[in-house]
Amino acid sequence: MATGSTYNIIELVGTSDTSWEEAAKLAVETAAETVRDLRVAEVIQLDMTVEDGKVQRYRAKVNVSFKYQKET
């Protein structure tokens, strides 16, 4: 019998006033509060909001995978 694993993937958007890294970190750490067994986080898009010609917020779109677990 072959062994392997299955993972769910969710898409998150984190925001930060200081950096893209902080935005991505916040997205993952916030998800970790309610999602168990996080495995991999992949930053898939970086952007920022601009107001009056100035950067207001950094945004990071992140795909996070976690191990699929059957409900018992």
C-alpha atoms as a PDB file:
ATOM      1  CA  MET A   1       0.000   0.000   0.000  1.00  0.00           C
ATOM      2  CA  ALA A   2       1.392   3.420  -0.953  1.00  0.00           C
ATOM      3  CA  THR A   3       1.782   6.028   1.740  1.00  0.00           C
ATOM      4  CA  GLY A   4       1.391   9.744   1.246  1.00  0.00           C
ATOM      5  CA  SER A   5      -0.350  12.817   2.518  1.00  0.00           C
ATOM      6  CA  THR A   6      -3.047  15.194   1.366  1.00  0.00           C
ATOM      7  CA  TYR A   7      -3.061  18.917   2.097  1.00  0.00           C
ATOM      8  CA  ASN A   8      -5.649  21.696   2.027  1.00  0.00           C
ATOM      9  CA  ILE A   9      -4.607  25.108   0.711  1.00  0.00           C
ATOM     10  CA  ILE A  10      -6.144  28.395   1.767  1.00  0.00           C
ATOM     11  CA  GLU A  11      -5.436  31.867   0.432  1.00  0.00           C
ATOM     12  CA  LEU A  12      -4.832  34.682   2.903  1.00  0.00           C
ATOM     13  CA  VAL A  13      -4.060  38.386   2.633  1.00  0.00           C
ATOM     14  CA  GLY A  14      -2.008  40.009   5.378  1.00  0.00           C
ATOM     15  CA  THR A  15      -1.458  43.750   5.714  1.00  0.00           C
ATOM     16  CA  SER A  16       1.173  45.834   7.449  1.00  0.00           C
ATOM     17  CA  ASP A  17       2.122  49.476   7.791  1.00  0.00           C
ATOM     18  CA  THR A  18       5.832  48.580   7.716  1.00  0.00           C
ATOM     19  CA  SER A  19       6.706  45.817   5.193  1.00  0.00           C
ATOM     20  CA  TRP A  20       5.626  42.957   2.961  1.00  0.00           C
ATOM     21  CA  GLU A  21       7.501  40.539   5.215  1.00  0.00           C
ATOM     22  CA  GLU A  22       5.491  41.670   8.214  1.00  0.00           C
ATOM     23  CA  ALA A  23       2.254  41.394   6.212  1.00  0.00           C
ATOM     24  CA  ALA A  24       3.049  37.797   5.186  1.00  0.00           C
ATOM     25  CA  LYS A  25       4.130  36.865   8.710  1.00  0.00           C
ATOM     26  CA  LEU A  26       0.939  38.288  10.195  1.00  0.00           C
ATOM     27  CA  ALA A  27      -1.223  36.321   7.741  1.00  0.00           C
ATOM     28  CA  VAL A  28       0.477  33.032   8.647  1.00  0.00           C
ATOM     29  CA  GLU A  29       0.580  33.636  12.400  1.00  0.00           C
ATOM     30  CA  THR A  30      -3.069  34.690  12.474  1.00  0.00           C
ATOM     31  CA  ALA A  31      -4.096  31.553  10.556  1.00  0.00           C
ATOM     32  CA  ALA A  32      -2.056  29.428  12.983  1.00  0.00           C
ATOM     33  CA  GLU A  33      -4.354  30.558  15.804  1.00  0.00           C
ATOM     34  CA  THR A  34      -7.246  28.529  14.361  1.00  0.00           C
ATOM     35  CA  VAL A  35      -5.794  26.195  11.705  1.00  0.00           C
ATOM     36  CA  ARG A  36      -3.814  23.181  12.916  1.00  0.00           C
ATOM     37  CA  ASP A  37      -0.760  21.636  11.372  1.00  0.00           C
ATOM     38  CA  LEU A  38       0.315  24.410   8.988  1.00  0.00           C
ATOM     39  CA  ARG A  39       3.051  23.138   6.672  1.00  0.00           C
ATOM     40  CA  VAL A  40       4.056  25.577   3.915  1.00  0.00           C
ATOM     41  CA  ALA A  41       3.349  29.225   3.172  1.00  0.00           C
ATOM     42  CA  GLU A  42       3.924  30.561  -0.334  1.00  0.00           C
ATOM     43  CA  VAL A  43       3.842  34.299  -1.056  1.00  0.00           C
ATOM     44  CA  ILE A  44       2.024  34.597  -4.367  1.00  0.00           C
ATOM     45  CA  GLN A  45       1.507  38.348  -4.707  1.00  0.00           C
ATOM     46  CA  LEU A  46       2.837  41.551  -3.184  1.00  0.00           C
ATOM     47  CA  ASP A  47       1.133  44.908  -3.542  1.00  0.00           C
ATOM     48  CA  MET A  48       0.517  48.091  -1.614  1.00  0.00           C
ATOM     49  CA  THR A  49      -2.177  50.667  -1.167  1.00  0.00           C
ATOM     50  CA  VAL A  50      -1.291  54.228  -2.112  1.00  0.00           C
ATOM     51  CA  GLU A  51      -2.961  57.411  -0.953  1.00  0.00           C
ATOM     52  CA  ASP A  52      -1.976  60.918  -2.040  1.00  0.00           C
ATOM     53  CA  GLY A  53       1.155  59.486  -3.670  1.00  0.00           C
ATOM     54  CA  LYS A  54       2.341  57.787  -0.465  1.00  0.00           C
ATOM     55  CA  VAL A  55       2.403  54.111   0.475  1.00  0.00           C
ATOM     56  CA  GLN A  56      -0.171  53.468   3.180  1.00  0.00           C
ATOM     57  CA  ARG A  57      -0.078  49.677   3.616  1.00  0.00           C
ATOM     58  CA  TYR A  58       1.841  46.696   2.338  1.00  0.00           C
ATOM     59  CA  ARG A  59      -0.190  43.627   1.391  1.00  0.00           C
ATOM     60  CA  ALA A  60       0.966  40.055   0.913  1.00  0.00           C
ATOM     61  CA  LYS A  61      -1.246  37.363  -0.608  1.00  0.00           C
ATOM     62  CA  VAL A  62      -0.174  33.995   0.796  1.00  0.00           C
ATOM     63  CA  ASN A  63      -1.203  30.407   0.066  1.00  0.00           C
ATOM     64  CA  VAL A  64      -0.914  28.299   3.208  1.00  0.00           C
ATOM     65  CA  SER A  65      -1.115  24.515   3.231  1.00  0.00           C
ATOM     66  CA  PHE A  66      -2.105  22.325   6.133  1.00  0.00           C
ATOM     67  CA  LYS A  67      -2.474  18.599   6.455  1.00  0.00           C
ATOM     68  CA  TYR A  68      -5.915  17.239   5.603  1.00  0.00           C
ATOM     69  CA  GLN A  69      -7.476  15.444   8.540  1.00  0.00           C
ATOM     70  CA  LYS A  70     -10.556  13.307   8.346  1.00  0.00           C
ATOM     71  CA  GLU A  71     -13.343  14.225  10.670  1.00  0.00           C
ATOM     72  CA  THR A  72     -13.969  11.432  13.127  1.00  0.00           C
END
